[in-house]
PDB file of N, CA and C in Angstrom:
ATOM      1  N   MET A   1      -2.343 -54.712  26.732  1.00  0.00           N
ATOM      2  CA  MET A   1      -1.904 -55.016  28.085  1.00  0.00           C
ATOM      3  C   MET A   1      -2.342 -53.893  29.021  1.00  0.00           C
ATOM      4  N   ALA A   2      -2.493 -54.262  30.292  1.00  0.00           N
ATOM      5  CA  ALA A   2      -2.881 -53.288  31.308  1.00  0.00           C
ATOM      6  C   ALA A   2      -2.213 -53.676  32.622  1.00  0.00           C
ATOM      7  N   THR A   3      -2.197 -52.736  33.535  1.00  0.00           N
ATOM      8  CA  THR A   3      -1.733 -53.017  34.886  1.00  0.00           C
ATOM      9  C   THR A   3      -2.958 -53.092  35.780  1.00  0.00           C
ATOM     10  N   ALA A   4      -3.102 -54.218  36.466  1.00  0.00           N
ATOM     11  CA  ALA A   4      -4.206 -54.403  37.409  1.00  0.00           C
ATOM     12  C   ALA A   4      -3.631 -54.414  38.815  1.00  0.00           C
ATOM     13  N   SER A   5      -4.435 -53.978  39.783  1.00  0.00           N
ATOM     14  CA  SER A   5      -3.939 -53.996  41.156  1.00  0.00           C
ATOM     15  C   SER A   5      -5.044 -54.366  42.133  1.00  0.00           C
ATOM     16  N   VAL A   6      -4.639 -55.105  43.163  1.00  0.00           N
ATOM     17  CA  VAL A   6      -5.486 -55.434  44.304  1.00  0.00           C
ATOM     18  C   VAL A   6      -4.581 -55.363  45.523  1.00  0.00           C
ATOM     19  N   ASP A   7      -5.028 -54.647  46.547  1.00  0.00           N
ATOM     20  CA  ASP A   7      -4.229 -54.491  47.768  1.00  0.00           C
ATOM     21  C   ASP A   7      -2.822 -53.978  47.468  1.00  0.00           C
ATOM     22  N   ASN A   8      -2.711 -53.071  46.536  1.00  0.00           N
ATOM     23  CA  ASN A   8      -1.430 -52.470  46.136  1.00  0.00           C
ATOM     24  C   ASN A   8      -0.453 -53.452  45.499  1.00  0.00           C
ATOM     25  N   VAL A   9      -0.915 -54.639  45.126  1.00  0.00           N
ATOM     26  CA  VAL A   9      -0.115 -55.584  44.351  1.00  0.00           C
ATOM     27  C   VAL A   9      -0.493 -55.367  42.897  1.00  0.00           C
ATOM     28  N   LYS A  10       0.502 -55.062  42.069  1.00  0.00           N
ATOM     29  CA  LYS A  10       0.235 -54.768  40.662  1.00  0.00           C
ATOM     30  C   LYS A  10       0.773 -55.878  39.773  1.00  0.00           C
ATOM     31  N   VAL A  11      -0.011 -56.233  38.760  1.00  0.00           N
ATOM     32  CA  VAL A  11       0.384 -57.257  37.793  1.00  0.00           C
ATOM     33  C   VAL A  11       0.015 -56.790  36.391  1.00  0.00           C
ATOM     34  N   GLU A  12       0.766 -57.250  35.422  1.00  0.00           N
ATOM     35  CA  GLU A  12       0.448 -56.999  34.025  1.00  0.00           C
ATOM     36  C   GLU A  12      -0.579 -58.031  33.572  1.00  0.00           C
ATOM     37  N   VAL A  13      -1.622 -57.553  32.883  1.00  0.00           N
ATOM     38  CA  VAL A  13      -2.738 -58.404  32.477  1.00  0.00           C
ATOM     39  C   VAL A  13      -3.017 -58.190  30.994  1.00  0.00           C
ATOM     40  N   SER A  14      -3.204 -59.280  30.284  1.00  0.00           N
ATOM     41  CA  SER A  14      -3.594 -59.187  28.881  1.00  0.00           C
ATOM     42  C   SER A  14      -5.090 -58.908  28.780  1.00  0.00           C
ATOM     43  N   LEU A  15      -5.445 -57.967  27.908  1.00  0.00           N
ATOM     44  CA  LEU A  15      -6.854 -57.633  27.668  1.00  0.00           C
ATOM     45  C   LEU A  15      -7.371 -58.236  26.361  1.00  0.00           C
ATOM     46  N   THR A  16      -6.629 -59.158  25.807  1.00  0.00           N
ATOM     47  CA  THR A  16      -6.971 -59.756  24.516  1.00  0.00           C
ATOM     48  C   THR A  16      -8.371 -60.359  24.484  1.00  0.00           C
ATOM     49  N   LEU A  17      -8.819 -60.933  25.583  1.00  0.00           N
ATOM     50  CA  LEU A  17     -10.097 -61.658  25.602  1.00  0.00           C
ATOM     51  C   LEU A  17     -11.299 -60.800  25.964  1.00  0.00           C
ATOM     52  N   VAL A  18     -11.076 -59.510  26.297  1.00  0.00           N
ATOM     53  CA  VAL A  18     -12.166 -58.646  26.761  1.00  0.00           C
ATOM     54  C   VAL A  18     -12.205 -57.372  25.919  1.00  0.00           C
ATOM     55  N   ASP A  19     -13.395 -57.013  25.456  1.00  0.00           N
ATOM     56  CA  ASP A  19     -13.568 -55.787  24.678  1.00  0.00           C
ATOM     57  C   ASP A  19     -13.971 -54.629  25.578  1.00  0.00           C
ATOM     58  N   ASP A  20     -13.661 -53.437  25.129  1.00  0.00           N
ATOM     59  CA  ASP A  20     -14.146 -52.201  25.753  1.00  0.00           C
ATOM     60  C   ASP A  20     -13.782 -52.058  27.232  1.00  0.00           C
ATOM     61  N   VAL A  21     -12.531 -52.329  27.573  1.00  0.00           N
ATOM     62  CA  VAL A  21     -12.067 -52.136  28.952  1.00  0.00           C
ATOM     63  C   VAL A  21     -11.420 -50.758  29.036  1.00  0.00           C
ATOM     64  N   ALA A  22     -11.796 -50.015  30.079  1.00  0.00           N
ATOM     65  CA  ALA A  22     -11.248 -48.671  30.289  1.00  0.00           C
ATOM     66  C   ALA A  22     -10.640 -48.586  31.687  1.00  0.00           C
ATOM     67  N   ILE A  23      -9.818 -47.585  31.892  1.00  0.00           N
ATOM     68  CA  ILE A  23      -9.221 -47.351  33.203  1.00  0.00           C
ATOM     69  C   ILE A  23     -10.341 -47.229  34.232  1.00  0.00           C
ATOM     70  N   GLY A  24     -10.193 -47.952  35.343  1.00  0.00           N
ATOM     71  CA  GLY A  24     -11.192 -47.937  36.404  1.00  0.00           C
ATOM     72  C   GLY A  24     -12.185 -49.078  36.336  1.00  0.00           C
ATOM     73  N   ASP A  25     -12.218 -49.808  35.216  1.00  0.00           N
ATOM     74  CA  ASP A  25     -13.107 -50.964  35.103  1.00  0.00           C
ATOM     75  C   ASP A  25     -12.580 -52.114  35.955  1.00  0.00           C
ATOM     76  N   TYR A  26     -13.478 -53.001  36.355  1.00  0.00           N
ATOM     77  CA  TYR A  26     -13.116 -54.202  37.090  1.00  0.00           C
ATOM     78  C   TYR A  26     -13.185 -55.389  36.141  1.00  0.00           C
ATOM     79  N   VAL A  27     -12.169 -56.250  36.217  1.00  0.00           N
ATOM     80  CA  VAL A  27     -12.139 -57.454  35.395  1.00  0.00           C
ATOM     81  C   VAL A  27     -11.776 -58.652  36.257  1.00  0.00           C
ATOM     82  N   LEU A  28     -12.263 -59.809  35.859  1.00  0.00           N
ATOM     83  CA  LEU A  28     -11.842 -61.063  36.478  1.00  0.00           C
ATOM     84  C   LEU A  28     -10.582 -61.519  35.766  1.00  0.00           C
ATOM     85  N   VAL A  29      -9.560 -61.880  36.532  1.00  0.00           N
ATOM     86  CA  VAL A  29      -8.261 -62.232  35.962  1.00  0.00           C
ATOM     87  C   VAL A  29      -7.883 -63.643  36.389  1.00  0.00           C
ATOM     88  N   HIS A  30      -7.360 -64.395  35.432  1.00  0.00           N
ATOM     89  CA  HIS A  30      -6.824 -65.727  35.713  1.00  0.00           C
ATOM     90  C   HIS A  30      -5.572 -65.909  34.872  1.00  0.00           C
ATOM     91  N   VAL A  31      -4.509 -66.340  35.498  1.00  0.00           N
ATOM     92  CA  VAL A  31      -3.200 -66.582  34.880  1.00  0.00           C
ATOM     93  C   VAL A  31      -2.784 -65.489  33.885  1.00  0.00           C
ATOM     94  N   GLY A  32      -2.983 -64.245  34.289  1.00  0.00           N
ATOM     95  CA  GLY A  32      -2.499 -63.134  33.482  1.00  0.00           C
ATOM     96  C   GLY A  32      -3.425 -62.638  32.395  1.00  0.00           C
ATOM     97  N   TYR A  33      -4.622 -63.200  32.306  1.00  0.00           N
ATOM     98  CA  TYR A  33      -5.591 -62.783  31.293  1.00  0.00           C
ATOM     99  C   TYR A  33      -6.867 -62.271  31.957  1.00  0.00           C
ATOM    100  N   ALA A  34      -7.336 -61.131  31.516  1.00  0.00           N
ATOM    101  CA  ALA A  34      -8.653 -60.663  31.922  1.00  0.00           C
ATOM    102  C   ALA A  34      -9.671 -61.524  31.185  1.00  0.00           C
ATOM    103  N   LEU A  35     -10.577 -62.144  31.935  1.00  0.00           N
ATOM    104  CA  LEU A  35     -11.557 -63.048  31.317  1.00  0.00           C
ATOM    105  C   LEU A  35     -12.850 -62.349  30.954  1.00  0.00           C
ATOM    106  N   ASN A  36     -13.297 -61.441  31.815  1.00  0.00           N
ATOM    107  CA  ASN A  36     -14.475 -60.642  31.501  1.00  0.00           C
ATOM    108  C   ASN A  36     -14.555 -59.446  32.440  1.00  0.00           C
ATOM    109  N   LYS A  37     -15.317 -58.468  32.009  1.00  0.00           N
ATOM    110  CA  LYS A  37     -15.515 -57.255  32.789  1.00  0.00           C
ATOM    111  C   LYS A  37     -16.715 -57.473  33.699  1.00  0.00           C
ATOM    112  N   ILE A  38     -16.615 -56.972  34.957  1.00  0.00           N
ATOM    113  CA  ILE A  38     -17.744 -57.076  35.888  1.00  0.00           C
ATOM    114  C   ILE A  38     -18.059 -55.691  36.431  1.00  0.00           C
ATOM    115  N   ASP A  39     -19.298 -55.525  36.914  1.00  0.00           N
ATOM    116  CA  ASP A  39     -19.671 -54.214  37.429  1.00  0.00           C
ATOM    117  C   ASP A  39     -19.068 -53.992  38.819  1.00  0.00           C
ATOM    118  N   GLU A  40     -19.042 -52.747  39.235  1.00  0.00           N
ATOM    119  CA  GLU A  40     -18.386 -52.373  40.482  1.00  0.00           C
ATOM    120  C   GLU A  40     -19.010 -53.066  41.692  1.00  0.00           C
ATOM    121  N   ASP A  41     -20.331 -53.162  41.746  1.00  0.00           N
ATOM    122  CA  ASP A  41     -20.986 -53.816  42.884  1.00  0.00           C
ATOM    123  C   ASP A  41     -20.532 -55.264  43.032  1.00  0.00           C
ATOM    124  N   GLU A  42     -20.498 -55.990  41.923  1.00  0.00           N
ATOM    125  CA  GLU A  42     -20.059 -57.387  41.961  1.00  0.00           C
ATOM    126  C   GLU A  42     -18.593 -57.481  42.364  1.00  0.00           C
ATOM    127  N   ALA A  43     -17.757 -56.584  41.857  1.00  0.00           N
ATOM    128  CA  ALA A  43     -16.338 -56.582  42.214  1.00  0.00           C
ATOM    129  C   ALA A  43     -16.154 -56.334  43.704  1.00  0.00           C
ATOM    130  N   LEU A  44     -16.873 -55.375  44.256  1.00  0.00           N
ATOM    131  CA  LEU A  44     -16.735 -55.059  45.680  1.00  0.00           C
ATOM    132  C   LEU A  44     -17.232 -56.206  46.559  1.00  0.00           C
ATOM    133  N   LYS A  45     -18.292 -56.880  46.136  1.00  0.00           N
ATOM    134  CA  LYS A  45     -18.770 -58.047  46.874  1.00  0.00           C
ATOM    135  C   LYS A  45     -17.711 -59.157  46.859  1.00  0.00           C
ATOM    136  N   THR A  46     -17.113 -59.388  45.713  1.00  0.00           N
ATOM    137  CA  THR A  46     -16.085 -60.422  45.589  1.00  0.00           C
ATOM    138  C   THR A  46     -14.878 -60.084  46.449  1.00  0.00           C
ATOM    139  N   LEU A  47     -14.433 -58.822  46.415  1.00  0.00           N
ATOM    140  CA  LEU A  47     -13.294 -58.414  47.232  1.00  0.00           C
ATOM    141  C   LEU A  47     -13.609 -58.547  48.720  1.00  0.00           C
ATOM    142  N   ALA A  48     -14.839 -58.257  49.121  1.00  0.00           N
ATOM    143  CA  ALA A  48     -15.240 -58.417  50.517  1.00  0.00           C
ATOM    144  C   ALA A  48     -15.201 -59.887  50.932  1.00  0.00           C
ATOM    145  N   LEU A  49     -15.638 -60.776  50.051  1.00  0.00           N
ATOM    146  CA  LEU A  49     -15.573 -62.208  50.344  1.00  0.00           C
ATOM    147  C   LEU A  49     -14.134 -62.684  50.480  1.00  0.00           C
ATOM    148  N   PHE A  50     -13.248 -62.190  49.612  1.00  0.00           N
ATOM    149  CA  PHE A  50     -11.828 -62.527  49.729  1.00  0.00           C
ATOM    150  C   PHE A  50     -11.274 -62.074  51.071  1.00  0.00           C
ATOM    151  N   ALA A  51     -11.629 -60.863  51.486  1.00  0.00           N
ATOM    152  CA  ALA A  51     -11.156 -60.334  52.771  1.00  0.00           C
ATOM    153  C   ALA A  51     -11.690 -61.184  53.923  1.00  0.00           C
ATOM    154  N   GLU A  52     -12.961 -61.556  53.857  1.00  0.00           N
ATOM    155  CA  GLU A  52     -13.572 -62.381  54.891  1.00  0.00           C
ATOM    156  C   GLU A  52     -12.880 -63.734  55.004  1.00  0.00           C
ATOM    157  N   ALA A  53     -12.445 -64.257  53.885  1.00  0.00           N
ATOM    158  CA  ALA A  53     -11.769 -65.558  53.859  1.00  0.00           C
ATOM    159  C   ALA A  53     -10.274 -65.438  54.192  1.00  0.00           C
ATOM    160  N   GLY A  54      -9.810 -64.222  54.423  1.00  0.00           N
ATOM    161  CA  GLY A  54      -8.402 -64.016  54.747  1.00  0.00           C
ATOM    162  C   GLY A  54      -7.476 -64.074  53.553  1.00  0.00           C
ATOM    163  N   LEU A  55      -8.002 -63.824  52.371  1.00  0.00           N
ATOM    164  CA  LEU A  55      -7.210 -63.920  51.144  1.00  0.00           C
ATOM    165  C   LEU A  55      -6.682 -62.586  50.645  1.00  0.00           C
ATOM    166  N   THR A  56      -6.770 -61.550  51.457  1.00  0.00           N
ATOM    167  CA  THR A  56      -6.259 -60.243  51.070  1.00  0.00           C
ATOM    168  C   THR A  56      -5.344 -59.704  52.161  1.00  0.00           C
ATOM    169  N   LEU A  57      -4.605 -58.668  51.836  1.00  0.00           N
ATOM    170  CA  LEU A  57      -3.717 -58.042  52.805  1.00  0.00           C
ATOM    171  C   LEU A  57      -4.475 -57.126  53.755  1.00  0.00           C
ATOM    172  N   ASN A  58      -5.616 -56.596  53.290  1.00  0.00           N
ATOM    173  CA  ASN A  58      -6.411 -55.671  54.106  1.00  0.00           C
ATOM    174  C   ASN A  58      -7.641 -56.390  54.654  1.00  0.00           C
ATOM    175  N   PRO A  59      -7.802 -56.443  55.973  1.00  0.00           N
ATOM    176  CA  PRO A  59      -8.966 -57.129  56.541  1.00  0.00           C
ATOM    177  C   PRO A  59     -10.260 -56.387  56.297  1.00  0.00           C
TER     178      PRO A  59
END
């Protein structure tokens, strides 16, 4: 298990489905499970798209 956070919202996430996850890594999460690890550039692009769509607390 791990604690994941976005916009200071923290949730407990199972890492059962993903190997070699370390503190600071980015993962895609669905219904409490990390599905796969993604690189930082892809994560930042995804977070920017969420912000653009108004789906985050920080514009």
